[in-house]
Amino acid sequence: MIESGNGYAARDVLTHPDPLAGLSEAHRQALTSIVAASGLRAGTIPAPLLDTLTTSVKTAGEMLASAVRSA
């Protein structure tokens, strides 16, 4: 699982009720690094960036809908 770099899986292992059972310190650190690199637990997107992202998604949706209608 560490090789896959799956942040969600790493987070699940680390938040399991008994996460350290059978994990070496090196594995725990690797999983923690994967979670950090994935952006999980990073907090919220600042409002200006969220607005930009929301506008971009809306525009993309409109463009896709237009393309489907004209296909």
C-alpha atoms as a PDB file:
ATOM      1  CA  MET A   1       0.000   0.000   0.000  1.00  0.00           C
ATOM      2  CA  ILE A   2       2.878   2.383   0.663  1.00  0.00           C
ATOM      3  CA  GLU A   3       4.112   1.853  -2.903  1.00  0.00           C
ATOM      4  CA  SER A   4       0.736   2.925  -4.297  1.00  0.00           C
ATOM      5  CA  GLY A   5       0.932   6.314  -2.606  1.00  0.00           C
ATOM      6  CA  ASN A   6      -2.814   6.166  -1.886  1.00  0.00           C
ATOM      7  CA  GLY A   7      -3.459   8.963   0.586  1.00  0.00           C
ATOM      8  CA  TYR A   8      -6.916   7.733   1.536  1.00  0.00           C
ATOM      9  CA  ALA A   9      -5.661   4.235   2.324  1.00  0.00           C
ATOM     10  CA  ALA A  10      -2.730   5.650   4.295  1.00  0.00           C
ATOM     11  CA  ARG A  11      -5.085   7.873   6.291  1.00  0.00           C
ATOM     12  CA  ASP A  12      -7.364   4.899   6.977  1.00  0.00           C
ATOM     13  CA  VAL A  13      -4.482   2.826   8.328  1.00  0.00           C
ATOM     14  CA  LEU A  14      -3.252   5.685  10.515  1.00  0.00           C
ATOM     15  CA  THR A  15      -6.732   6.394  11.910  1.00  0.00           C
ATOM     16  CA  HIS A  16      -7.631   2.752  12.523  1.00  0.00           C
ATOM     17  CA  PRO A  17      -8.514   2.110  16.203  1.00  0.00           C
ATOM     18  CA  ASP A  18      -5.200   0.245  16.631  1.00  0.00           C
ATOM     19  CA  PRO A  19      -3.086   1.841  13.875  1.00  0.00           C
ATOM     20  CA  LEU A  20       0.328   1.092  15.271  1.00  0.00           C
ATOM     21  CA  ALA A  21      -0.184  -2.651  15.692  1.00  0.00           C
ATOM     22  CA  GLY A  22       2.375  -4.280  13.452  1.00  0.00           C
ATOM     23  CA  LEU A  23       3.636  -1.021  11.933  1.00  0.00           C
ATOM     24  CA  SER A  24       7.262  -0.097  12.199  1.00  0.00           C
ATOM     25  CA  GLU A  25       8.225   3.505  12.839  1.00  0.00           C
ATOM     26  CA  ALA A  26       9.484   3.716   9.251  1.00  0.00           C
ATOM     27  CA  HIS A  27       6.112   2.545   7.912  1.00  0.00           C
ATOM     28  CA  ARG A  28       4.244   4.998  10.150  1.00  0.00           C
ATOM     29  CA  GLN A  29       6.437   7.845   8.907  1.00  0.00           C
ATOM     30  CA  ALA A  30       5.964   6.758   5.284  1.00  0.00           C
ATOM     31  CA  LEU A  31       2.185   6.663   5.705  1.00  0.00           C
ATOM     32  CA  THR A  32       2.217  10.065   7.399  1.00  0.00           C
ATOM     33  CA  SER A  33       4.240  11.471   4.500  1.00  0.00           C
ATOM     34  CA  ILE A  34       1.781  10.018   1.979  1.00  0.00           C
ATOM     35  CA  VAL A  35      -1.154  11.620   3.792  1.00  0.00           C
ATOM     36  CA  ALA A  36       0.653  14.977   3.880  1.00  0.00           C
ATOM     37  CA  ALA A  37       1.656  14.794   0.196  1.00  0.00           C
ATOM     38  CA  SER A  38      -1.898  13.938  -0.821  1.00  0.00           C
ATOM     39  CA  GLY A  39      -3.210  17.131   0.727  1.00  0.00           C
ATOM     40  CA  LEU A  40      -5.475  15.331   3.171  1.00  0.00           C
ATOM     41  CA  ARG A  41      -5.767  17.173   6.483  1.00  0.00           C
ATOM     42  CA  ALA A  42      -4.542  20.322   4.749  1.00  0.00           C
ATOM     43  CA  GLY A  43      -7.558  22.351   5.790  1.00  0.00           C
ATOM     44  CA  THR A  44      -9.790  24.374   3.541  1.00  0.00           C
ATOM     45  CA  ILE A  45      -9.182  26.069   0.222  1.00  0.00           C
ATOM     46  CA  PRO A  46      -8.865  29.848   0.631  1.00  0.00           C
ATOM     47  CA  ALA A  47     -12.020  31.652  -0.574  1.00  0.00           C
ATOM     48  CA  PRO A  48     -10.416  33.342  -3.632  1.00  0.00           C
ATOM     49  CA  LEU A  49      -9.030  30.021  -4.882  1.00  0.00           C
ATOM     50  CA  LEU A  50     -12.309  28.252  -4.174  1.00  0.00           C
ATOM     51  CA  ASP A  51     -14.142  30.904  -6.205  1.00  0.00           C
ATOM     52  CA  THR A  52     -11.737  30.406  -9.112  1.00  0.00           C
ATOM     53  CA  LEU A  53     -12.107  26.635  -8.917  1.00  0.00           C
ATOM     54  CA  THR A  54     -15.897  26.851  -8.724  1.00  0.00           C
ATOM     55  CA  THR A  55     -16.018  29.162 -11.734  1.00  0.00           C
ATOM     56  CA  SER A  56     -13.724  26.854 -13.702  1.00  0.00           C
ATOM     57  CA  VAL A  57     -15.828  23.792 -12.903  1.00  0.00           C
ATOM     58  CA  LYS A  58     -19.015  25.636 -13.861  1.00  0.00           C
ATOM     59  CA  THR A  59     -17.478  26.767 -17.156  1.00  0.00           C
ATOM     60  CA  ALA A  60     -16.237  23.254 -17.914  1.00  0.00           C
ATOM     61  CA  GLY A  61     -19.680  21.826 -17.191  1.00  0.00           C
ATOM     62  CA  GLU A  62     -21.304  24.349 -19.514  1.00  0.00           C
ATOM     63  CA  MET A  63     -18.802  23.573 -22.269  1.00  0.00           C
ATOM     64  CA  LEU A  64     -19.333  19.820 -21.908  1.00  0.00           C
ATOM     65  CA  ALA A  65     -23.108  20.228 -21.945  1.00  0.00           C
ATOM     66  CA  SER A  66     -22.833  22.369 -25.078  1.00  0.00           C
ATOM     67  CA  ALA A  67     -20.608  19.801 -26.757  1.00  0.00           C
ATOM     68  CA  VAL A  68     -23.043  16.982 -25.926  1.00  0.00           C
ATOM     69  CA  ARG A  69     -26.011  18.960 -27.261  1.00  0.00           C
ATOM     70  CA  SER A  70     -24.261  19.658 -30.570  1.00  0.00           C
ATOM     71  CA  ALA A  71     -22.971  16.113 -31.015  1.00  0.00           C
END
